[in-house]
N, C-alpha and C. Protein backbone atom coordinates (compact mmCIF):
# COMPACT_ATOMS: atom_id res chain seq x y z
N MET A 1 97.09 57.17 144.10
CA MET A 1 98.12 57.54 143.17
C MET A 1 97.52 57.52 141.75
N GLU A 2 96.77 56.45 141.39
CA GLU A 2 96.21 56.35 140.04
C GLU A 2 95.20 57.48 139.83
N SER A 3 94.40 57.89 140.90
CA SER A 3 93.47 58.86 140.78
C SER A 3 94.20 60.29 140.45
N LYS A 4 95.36 60.49 140.97
CA LYS A 4 96.08 61.73 140.72
C LYS A 4 96.52 61.71 139.21
N LEU A 5 97.01 60.59 138.78
CA LEU A 5 97.46 60.39 137.38
C LEU A 5 96.21 60.68 136.42
N GLU A 6 95.16 60.10 136.72
CA GLU A 6 93.96 60.26 135.86
C GLU A 6 93.48 61.77 135.80
N ASN A 7 93.57 62.53 137.03
CA ASN A 7 93.23 63.88 137.06
C ASN A 7 94.23 64.63 136.29
N GLY A 8 95.51 64.37 136.36
CA GLY A 8 96.55 65.05 135.54
C GLY A 8 96.38 64.88 134.20
N ASN A 9 96.10 63.61 133.69
CA ASN A 9 95.85 63.40 132.27
C ASN A 9 94.62 64.07 131.68
N ALA A 10 93.58 64.11 132.61
CA ALA A 10 92.23 64.73 132.20
C ALA A 10 92.57 66.25 132.04
N SER A 11 93.39 66.83 132.90
CA SER A 11 93.72 68.20 132.96
C SER A 11 94.48 68.58 131.67
N LEU A 12 95.51 67.72 131.29
CA LEU A 12 96.30 68.00 130.06
C LEU A 12 95.40 67.94 128.84
N ILE A 13 94.50 66.88 128.76
CA ILE A 13 93.68 66.82 127.64
C ILE A 13 92.74 67.96 127.48
N GLN A 14 92.23 68.42 128.62
CA GLN A 14 91.42 69.58 128.60
C GLN A 14 92.10 70.84 128.14
N THR A 15 93.33 71.00 128.49
CA THR A 15 94.13 72.26 128.18
C THR A 15 94.44 72.05 126.72
N SER A 16 94.76 70.87 126.14
CA SER A 16 95.05 70.67 124.77
C SER A 16 93.77 70.91 123.93
N ASN A 17 92.67 70.53 124.38
CA ASN A 17 91.43 70.78 123.65
C ASN A 17 91.08 72.27 123.68
N SER A 18 91.37 72.97 124.77
CA SER A 18 91.15 74.37 124.80
C SER A 18 91.94 75.16 123.82
N LYS A 19 93.29 74.74 123.79
CA LYS A 19 94.17 75.44 122.90
C LYS A 19 93.68 75.12 121.39
N ARG A 20 93.30 74.03 121.09
CA ARG A 20 92.64 73.69 119.75
C ARG A 20 91.54 74.57 119.43
N SER A 21 90.64 74.70 120.38
CA SER A 21 89.48 75.48 120.22
C SER A 21 89.78 76.95 120.05
N VAL A 22 90.75 77.48 120.69
CA VAL A 22 91.17 78.88 120.51
C VAL A 22 91.79 79.06 119.16
N PHE A 23 92.65 78.08 118.81
CA PHE A 23 93.34 78.22 117.48
C PHE A 23 92.34 78.09 116.33
N GLY A 24 91.37 77.17 116.46
CA GLY A 24 90.42 76.96 115.46
C GLY A 24 89.52 78.27 115.30
N THR A 25 89.08 78.86 116.48
CA THR A 25 88.31 80.06 116.36
C THR A 25 89.13 81.22 115.76
N LEU A 26 90.34 81.37 116.11
CA LEU A 26 91.29 82.33 115.60
C LEU A 26 91.48 82.19 114.08
N THR A 27 91.66 80.99 113.62
CA THR A 27 91.77 80.74 112.23
C THR A 27 90.55 81.01 111.44
N LEU A 28 89.30 80.69 112.01
CA LEU A 28 88.10 80.99 111.34
C LEU A 28 87.86 82.50 111.26
N CYS A 29 88.13 83.20 112.37
CA CYS A 29 88.10 84.71 112.35
C CYS A 29 88.98 85.35 111.23
N CYS A 30 90.17 84.79 111.10
CA CYS A 30 91.11 85.33 110.07
C CYS A 30 90.57 84.98 108.70
N ILE A 31 90.07 83.83 108.43
CA ILE A 31 89.53 83.49 107.17
C ILE A 31 88.32 84.37 106.87
N ILE A 32 87.46 84.68 107.76
CA ILE A 32 86.27 85.47 107.54
C ILE A 32 86.73 86.83 107.29
N PHE A 33 87.72 87.39 108.07
CA PHE A 33 88.16 88.71 107.78
C PHE A 33 88.86 88.88 106.40
N LEU A 34 89.68 87.87 105.96
CA LEU A 34 90.27 87.89 104.65
C LEU A 34 89.15 87.84 103.54
N CYS A 35 88.15 87.08 103.69
CA CYS A 35 87.10 87.03 102.73
C CYS A 35 86.34 88.34 102.60
N ILE A 36 86.08 89.01 103.77
CA ILE A 36 85.38 90.29 103.77
C ILE A 36 86.32 91.37 103.02
N VAL A 37 87.63 91.43 103.36
CA VAL A 37 88.54 92.30 102.72
C VAL A 37 88.60 92.01 101.26
N LEU A 38 88.63 90.74 100.74
CA LEU A 38 88.75 90.48 99.41
C LEU A 38 87.47 90.83 98.65
N PHE A 39 86.25 90.64 99.24
CA PHE A 39 85.02 91.03 98.64
C PHE A 39 84.89 92.53 98.57
N LEU A 40 85.39 93.23 99.59
CA LEU A 40 85.37 94.71 99.52
C LEU A 40 86.30 95.20 98.47
N CYS A 41 87.46 94.68 98.17
CA CYS A 41 88.39 95.01 97.12
C CYS A 41 87.76 94.72 95.77
N VAL A 42 87.04 93.66 95.66
CA VAL A 42 86.39 93.40 94.36
C VAL A 42 85.22 94.40 94.20
N LEU A 43 84.53 94.82 95.16
CA LEU A 43 83.54 95.82 94.96
C LEU A 43 84.03 97.16 94.78
N THR A 44 85.18 97.47 95.14
CA THR A 44 85.72 98.82 94.97
C THR A 44 85.84 99.17 93.40
N LEU A 45 86.32 98.31 92.62
CA LEU A 45 86.49 98.55 91.19
C LEU A 45 85.27 99.18 90.53
N PRO A 46 84.08 98.42 90.67
CA PRO A 46 82.86 98.86 89.92
C PRO A 46 82.38 100.19 90.50
N ILE A 47 82.57 100.36 91.81
CA ILE A 47 82.13 101.60 92.45
C ILE A 47 83.03 102.80 91.99
N ILE A 48 84.33 102.61 91.81
CA ILE A 48 85.15 103.61 91.29
C ILE A 48 84.77 104.00 89.77
N GLN A 49 84.47 102.85 89.03
CA GLN A 49 84.04 103.14 87.64
C GLN A 49 82.74 104.12 87.56
N ILE A 50 81.78 103.65 88.49
CA ILE A 50 80.49 104.45 88.42
C ILE A 50 80.71 105.82 88.85
N VAL A 51 81.43 106.07 89.96
CA VAL A 51 81.87 107.39 90.42
C VAL A 51 82.55 108.19 89.45
N MET A 52 83.57 107.69 88.86
CA MET A 52 84.45 108.36 87.90
C MET A 52 83.56 108.74 86.68
N GLY A 53 82.76 107.86 86.15
CA GLY A 53 81.98 108.11 84.99
C GLY A 53 81.00 109.13 85.33
N SER A 54 80.43 109.24 86.53
CA SER A 54 79.49 110.18 86.85
C SER A 54 80.09 111.55 87.04
N LEU A 55 81.29 111.60 87.72
CA LEU A 55 81.89 112.92 88.05
C LEU A 55 82.38 113.52 86.81
N TYR A 56 82.87 112.83 85.85
CA TYR A 56 83.47 113.24 84.55
C TYR A 56 82.59 113.08 83.38
N MET A 57 81.19 113.16 83.61
CA MET A 57 80.30 112.81 82.46
C MET A 57 80.53 113.61 81.18
N HIS A 58 80.92 114.88 81.31
CA HIS A 58 81.13 115.82 80.14
C HIS A 58 82.57 116.29 80.05
N SER A 59 83.50 115.48 80.46
CA SER A 59 84.85 115.89 80.44
C SER A 59 85.75 115.16 79.32
N CYS A 60 85.03 114.62 78.41
CA CYS A 60 85.88 113.85 77.32
C CYS A 60 85.00 114.16 76.00
N PRO A 61 85.22 115.40 75.40
CA PRO A 61 84.54 115.69 74.20
C PRO A 61 85.05 114.87 73.03
N MET A 62 86.20 114.37 73.10
CA MET A 62 86.76 113.47 72.06
C MET A 62 85.87 112.24 71.93
N ASN A 63 85.49 111.66 73.09
CA ASN A 63 84.65 110.48 72.98
C ASN A 63 83.64 110.59 74.24
N PRO A 64 82.48 111.15 73.96
CA PRO A 64 81.51 111.27 75.05
C PRO A 64 80.88 110.00 75.63
N HIS A 65 81.15 108.92 74.98
CA HIS A 65 80.66 107.66 75.33
C HIS A 65 81.53 106.98 76.40
N LEU A 66 82.72 107.53 76.69
CA LEU A 66 83.65 106.94 77.68
C LEU A 66 83.18 106.94 79.05
N PRO A 67 82.57 108.06 79.49
CA PRO A 67 81.96 108.04 80.85
C PRO A 67 80.78 107.09 80.84
N ILE A 68 80.01 106.92 79.84
CA ILE A 68 78.90 106.04 79.79
C ILE A 68 79.44 104.61 79.84
N TYR A 69 80.50 104.41 79.26
CA TYR A 69 81.16 103.01 79.38
C TYR A 69 81.55 102.71 80.77
N LEU A 70 82.11 103.69 81.38
CA LEU A 70 82.52 103.45 82.80
C LEU A 70 81.41 103.12 83.71
N ILE A 71 80.32 103.86 83.59
CA ILE A 71 79.14 103.69 84.37
C ILE A 71 78.45 102.31 84.07
N SER A 72 78.26 102.11 82.78
CA SER A 72 77.74 100.74 82.43
C SER A 72 78.61 99.64 82.70
N ALA A 73 79.88 99.66 82.58
CA ALA A 73 80.75 98.53 83.04
C ALA A 73 80.67 98.36 84.47
N GLY A 74 80.71 99.44 85.30
CA GLY A 74 80.64 99.30 86.70
C GLY A 74 79.28 98.65 87.18
N VAL A 75 78.22 99.07 86.55
CA VAL A 75 76.97 98.41 86.94
C VAL A 75 76.91 96.99 86.48
N ALA A 76 77.42 96.69 85.33
CA ALA A 76 77.47 95.32 84.76
C ALA A 76 78.36 94.37 85.76
N ILE A 77 79.51 94.98 86.26
CA ILE A 77 80.29 94.08 87.10
C ILE A 77 79.70 93.99 88.44
N LEU A 78 79.00 94.97 88.92
CA LEU A 78 78.22 94.78 90.19
C LEU A 78 77.07 93.69 90.11
N ILE A 79 76.39 93.71 88.93
CA ILE A 79 75.34 92.72 88.86
C ILE A 79 76.10 91.36 88.67
N LEU A 80 77.17 91.29 87.97
CA LEU A 80 77.83 89.98 87.88
C LEU A 80 78.34 89.43 89.23
N ILE A 81 78.85 90.29 90.08
CA ILE A 81 79.37 89.99 91.41
C ILE A 81 78.10 89.51 92.25
N ILE A 82 77.04 90.23 92.12
CA ILE A 82 75.85 89.89 92.85
C ILE A 82 75.27 88.51 92.47
N THR A 83 75.20 88.29 91.14
CA THR A 83 74.59 87.01 90.68
C THR A 83 75.64 85.86 91.04
N TYR A 84 76.87 85.99 91.13
CA TYR A 84 77.77 84.96 91.47
C TYR A 84 77.90 84.75 92.99
N THR A 85 77.52 85.76 93.76
CA THR A 85 77.79 85.61 95.18
C THR A 85 76.51 85.20 96.05
N ILE A 86 75.32 85.46 95.37
CA ILE A 86 74.09 85.16 96.08
C ILE A 86 73.91 83.64 96.09
N GLU A 87 73.68 83.12 97.31
CA GLU A 87 73.27 81.69 97.29
C GLU A 87 71.87 81.52 96.98
N VAL A 88 71.54 80.92 95.91
CA VAL A 88 70.13 80.63 95.58
C VAL A 88 69.88 79.26 95.93
N PRO A 89 68.73 79.06 96.76
CA PRO A 89 68.35 77.62 97.03
C PRO A 89 68.16 76.72 95.84
N THR A 90 67.62 77.30 94.73
CA THR A 90 67.48 76.44 93.49
C THR A 90 68.65 76.87 92.58
N ASP A 91 69.80 76.70 92.94
CA ASP A 91 70.95 77.09 92.16
C ASP A 91 71.06 76.22 90.87
N LYS A 92 70.51 75.13 90.79
CA LYS A 92 70.56 74.27 89.64
C LYS A 92 69.44 74.56 88.61
N SER A 93 68.62 75.49 88.99
CA SER A 93 67.41 75.90 88.16
C SER A 93 67.87 76.50 86.82
N ARG A 94 67.13 76.31 85.79
CA ARG A 94 67.40 76.80 84.48
C ARG A 94 67.31 78.34 84.40
N LEU A 95 66.27 78.89 85.27
CA LEU A 95 66.20 80.33 85.25
C LEU A 95 67.39 81.06 85.74
N TRP A 96 67.99 80.55 86.92
CA TRP A 96 69.19 81.15 87.44
C TRP A 96 70.30 80.95 86.47
N THR A 97 70.38 79.90 85.78
CA THR A 97 71.54 79.73 84.74
C THR A 97 71.34 80.62 83.66
N ILE A 98 70.06 80.88 83.21
CA ILE A 98 69.80 81.87 82.06
C ILE A 98 70.16 83.17 82.52
N ILE A 99 69.91 83.64 83.80
CA ILE A 99 70.21 85.01 84.29
C ILE A 99 71.71 85.19 84.31
N LYS A 100 72.45 84.23 84.76
CA LYS A 100 73.89 84.24 84.80
C LYS A 100 74.49 84.44 83.34
N ILE A 101 73.88 83.68 82.35
CA ILE A 101 74.35 83.80 81.06
C ILE A 101 74.07 85.21 80.45
N VAL A 102 72.89 85.62 80.68
CA VAL A 102 72.50 87.00 80.20
C VAL A 102 73.41 88.06 80.77
N VAL A 103 73.71 88.00 82.08
CA VAL A 103 74.55 88.96 82.75
C VAL A 103 75.96 88.86 82.19
N ALA A 104 76.48 87.69 81.85
CA ALA A 104 77.81 87.44 81.25
C ALA A 104 77.87 88.07 79.94
N ILE A 105 76.83 87.87 79.14
CA ILE A 105 76.76 88.49 77.80
C ILE A 105 76.74 89.96 77.78
N LEU A 106 75.99 90.51 78.79
CA LEU A 106 75.92 91.91 79.02
C LEU A 106 77.26 92.50 79.35
N CYS A 107 77.99 91.88 80.28
CA CYS A 107 79.39 92.32 80.60
C CYS A 107 80.28 92.15 79.38
N LEU A 108 80.22 91.13 78.71
CA LEU A 108 81.20 90.90 77.55
C LEU A 108 80.90 92.01 76.49
N THR A 109 79.62 92.30 76.18
CA THR A 109 79.34 93.20 75.18
C THR A 109 79.80 94.60 75.69
N CYS A 110 79.63 94.97 76.86
CA CYS A 110 80.08 96.27 77.43
C CYS A 110 81.51 96.36 77.32
N PHE A 111 82.24 95.33 77.71
CA PHE A 111 83.68 95.37 77.67
C PHE A 111 84.24 95.48 76.31
N ILE A 112 83.67 94.72 75.32
CA ILE A 112 84.18 94.72 73.99
C ILE A 112 83.97 96.16 73.42
N THR A 113 82.83 96.73 73.64
CA THR A 113 82.57 98.09 73.09
C THR A 113 83.42 99.03 73.74
N GLY A 114 83.65 98.99 75.01
CA GLY A 114 84.53 99.98 75.76
C GLY A 114 86.02 99.77 75.26
N SER A 115 86.41 98.58 75.00
CA SER A 115 87.76 98.32 74.52
C SER A 115 87.96 98.98 73.21
N VAL A 116 86.93 98.88 72.31
CA VAL A 116 87.15 99.45 70.93
C VAL A 116 87.23 100.95 71.17
N TRP A 117 86.40 101.56 71.99
CA TRP A 117 86.36 103.01 72.20
C TRP A 117 87.73 103.39 72.71
N ILE A 118 88.32 102.77 73.75
CA ILE A 118 89.49 103.05 74.42
C ILE A 118 90.74 102.96 73.49
N PHE A 119 90.83 101.75 72.90
CA PHE A 119 91.97 101.51 72.06
C PHE A 119 92.00 102.41 70.78
N ARG A 120 90.88 102.70 70.25
CA ARG A 120 90.69 103.61 69.11
C ARG A 120 91.28 105.00 69.47
N ASP A 121 90.98 105.42 70.68
CA ASP A 121 91.41 106.81 71.11
C ASP A 121 92.70 106.80 71.68
N LYS A 122 93.33 105.79 72.19
CA LYS A 122 94.53 105.78 72.94
C LYS A 122 95.64 106.49 72.23
N GLY A 123 95.82 106.37 70.96
CA GLY A 123 96.94 106.98 70.24
C GLY A 123 96.76 108.44 69.93
N ILE A 124 95.53 108.91 69.96
CA ILE A 124 95.34 110.40 69.57
C ILE A 124 94.88 111.30 70.81
N VAL A 125 94.69 110.76 71.95
CA VAL A 125 94.15 111.47 73.07
C VAL A 125 95.24 112.37 73.54
N GLN A 126 94.77 113.59 73.90
CA GLN A 126 95.68 114.59 74.69
C GLN A 126 94.87 115.10 75.90
N TYR A 127 95.69 115.50 76.93
CA TYR A 127 95.01 115.80 78.22
C TYR A 127 95.27 117.25 78.55
N HIS A 128 95.93 118.09 77.76
CA HIS A 128 96.32 119.33 78.29
C HIS A 128 95.59 120.55 77.67
N ASN A 129 95.08 120.41 76.49
CA ASN A 129 94.27 121.55 75.91
C ASN A 129 92.89 121.21 75.50
N PRO A 130 92.01 121.71 76.38
CA PRO A 130 90.53 121.34 76.09
C PRO A 130 89.96 122.07 74.92
N LYS A 131 90.68 123.05 74.39
CA LYS A 131 90.17 123.72 73.19
C LYS A 131 90.04 122.92 71.93
N TYR A 132 91.03 121.83 71.82
CA TYR A 132 91.04 120.95 70.79
C TYR A 132 90.10 119.73 71.24
N SER A 133 88.74 119.94 71.05
CA SER A 133 87.87 119.01 71.58
C SER A 133 87.85 117.61 70.80
N SER A 134 88.45 117.70 69.68
CA SER A 134 88.50 116.45 68.81
C SER A 134 89.54 115.42 69.38
N THR A 135 90.42 115.99 70.26
CA THR A 135 91.50 115.06 70.82
C THR A 135 91.51 115.09 72.33
N TYR A 136 90.71 115.99 72.93
CA TYR A 136 90.87 116.18 74.46
C TYR A 136 89.96 115.19 75.23
N CYS A 137 90.55 114.66 76.30
CA CYS A 137 89.85 113.95 77.30
C CYS A 137 90.51 114.14 78.61
N GLU A 138 89.75 114.17 79.66
CA GLU A 138 90.25 114.39 81.06
C GLU A 138 91.14 113.18 81.30
N TYR A 139 92.43 113.52 81.81
CA TYR A 139 93.41 112.55 82.03
C TYR A 139 92.85 111.42 83.11
N LEU A 140 92.38 111.80 84.13
CA LEU A 140 91.78 110.85 85.16
C LEU A 140 90.67 109.92 84.64
N LEU A 141 89.81 110.51 83.82
CA LEU A 141 88.76 109.72 83.24
C LEU A 141 89.30 108.62 82.26
N PHE A 142 90.18 109.13 81.35
CA PHE A 142 90.73 108.19 80.41
C PHE A 142 91.59 107.12 80.99
N SER A 143 92.41 107.53 81.98
CA SER A 143 93.32 106.55 82.68
C SER A 143 92.54 105.54 83.59
N THR A 144 91.33 105.93 84.11
CA THR A 144 90.55 105.13 84.82
C THR A 144 89.91 104.01 83.88
N ALA A 145 89.33 104.54 82.80
CA ALA A 145 88.76 103.65 81.84
C ALA A 145 89.74 102.64 81.29
N TYR A 146 90.96 103.13 80.97
CA TYR A 146 92.01 102.21 80.43
C TYR A 146 92.46 101.22 81.44
N GLY A 147 92.67 101.68 82.55
CA GLY A 147 93.27 100.74 83.74
C GLY A 147 92.18 99.71 84.21
N THR A 148 90.98 100.20 84.31
CA THR A 148 90.00 99.27 84.87
C THR A 148 89.52 98.24 83.77
N MET A 149 89.65 98.60 82.55
CA MET A 149 89.34 97.71 81.44
C MET A 149 89.98 96.30 81.64
N PHE A 150 91.22 96.35 81.91
CA PHE A 150 92.06 95.04 82.11
C PHE A 150 91.56 94.32 83.25
N VAL A 151 91.28 94.95 84.39
CA VAL A 151 90.90 94.32 85.60
C VAL A 151 89.35 93.77 85.41
N ASN A 152 88.63 94.51 84.72
CA ASN A 152 87.25 94.04 84.40
C ASN A 152 87.31 92.59 83.54
N TYR A 153 88.21 92.55 82.61
CA TYR A 153 88.35 91.41 81.89
C TYR A 153 88.87 90.21 82.77
N SER A 154 89.75 90.59 83.72
CA SER A 154 90.18 89.50 84.59
C SER A 154 89.12 89.11 85.47
N LEU A 155 88.32 89.99 86.06
CA LEU A 155 87.12 89.51 86.89
C LEU A 155 86.14 88.76 86.07
N PHE A 156 85.86 89.22 84.95
CA PHE A 156 84.94 88.61 84.06
C PHE A 156 85.26 87.10 83.75
N PHE A 157 86.51 86.99 83.27
CA PHE A 157 86.95 85.54 82.94
C PHE A 157 87.17 84.64 84.15
N GLY A 158 87.53 85.27 85.27
CA GLY A 158 87.60 84.64 86.39
C GLY A 158 86.26 84.08 86.93
N ALA A 159 85.18 84.89 86.79
CA ALA A 159 83.90 84.49 87.25
C ALA A 159 83.34 83.41 86.27
N VAL A 160 83.70 83.50 84.97
CA VAL A 160 83.27 82.46 83.95
C VAL A 160 83.94 81.20 84.30
N CYS A 161 85.18 81.13 84.51
CA CYS A 161 85.94 80.01 84.89
C CYS A 161 85.52 79.38 86.16
N TYR A 162 85.10 80.18 87.14
CA TYR A 162 84.60 79.68 88.34
C TYR A 162 83.24 78.98 88.19
N SER A 163 82.37 79.57 87.32
CA SER A 163 81.08 78.90 87.07
C SER A 163 81.31 77.54 86.35
N TYR A 164 82.34 77.29 85.64
CA TYR A 164 82.51 76.07 84.98
C TYR A 164 83.48 75.15 85.57
N LYS A 165 83.65 75.35 86.94
CA LYS A 165 84.61 74.49 87.68
C LYS A 165 84.01 73.06 87.79
N SER A 166 84.86 72.23 88.38
CA SER A 166 84.42 70.85 88.37
C SER A 166 83.10 70.51 89.01
N PRO A 167 82.23 69.61 88.55
CA PRO A 167 80.95 69.43 89.11
C PRO A 167 80.92 69.14 90.58
N LYS A 168 79.88 69.49 91.34
CA LYS A 168 79.94 69.26 92.88
C LYS A 168 79.45 67.82 93.09
């Protein structure tokens, strides 16, 4: 009789462990999937900026620097993402810290310059008549630059705050 009870208890323990293992595996898969989706969403913004700046390179006679801003901001954000996601074995080295600081300064410089160009032109831009080149800019180009500027600042300051999180 005791042997049957021991076998029954072992069977219950084995079933319980099996359920925990499946649940743990499923949870891990969901976390990995969400991390991949989040990473792809973060990568989408700089890619959109680079593509839009390239496609509409000569579509803003009012401010021909705007497509260049989009391309440079997209590249700067990509470099920022790469430098903060790559696991470097010597993460505490001074060289890696200097690289991160230089990339952050590059991003900040790019964002400030772009902000000046965008806000200076926001009140006078028109999207309908390309004959008036002093005020014309392609709607999609200007809207992309204006909209992504705020997201870029959020990503930049998020990365800076992440780098100064509590010590390990």
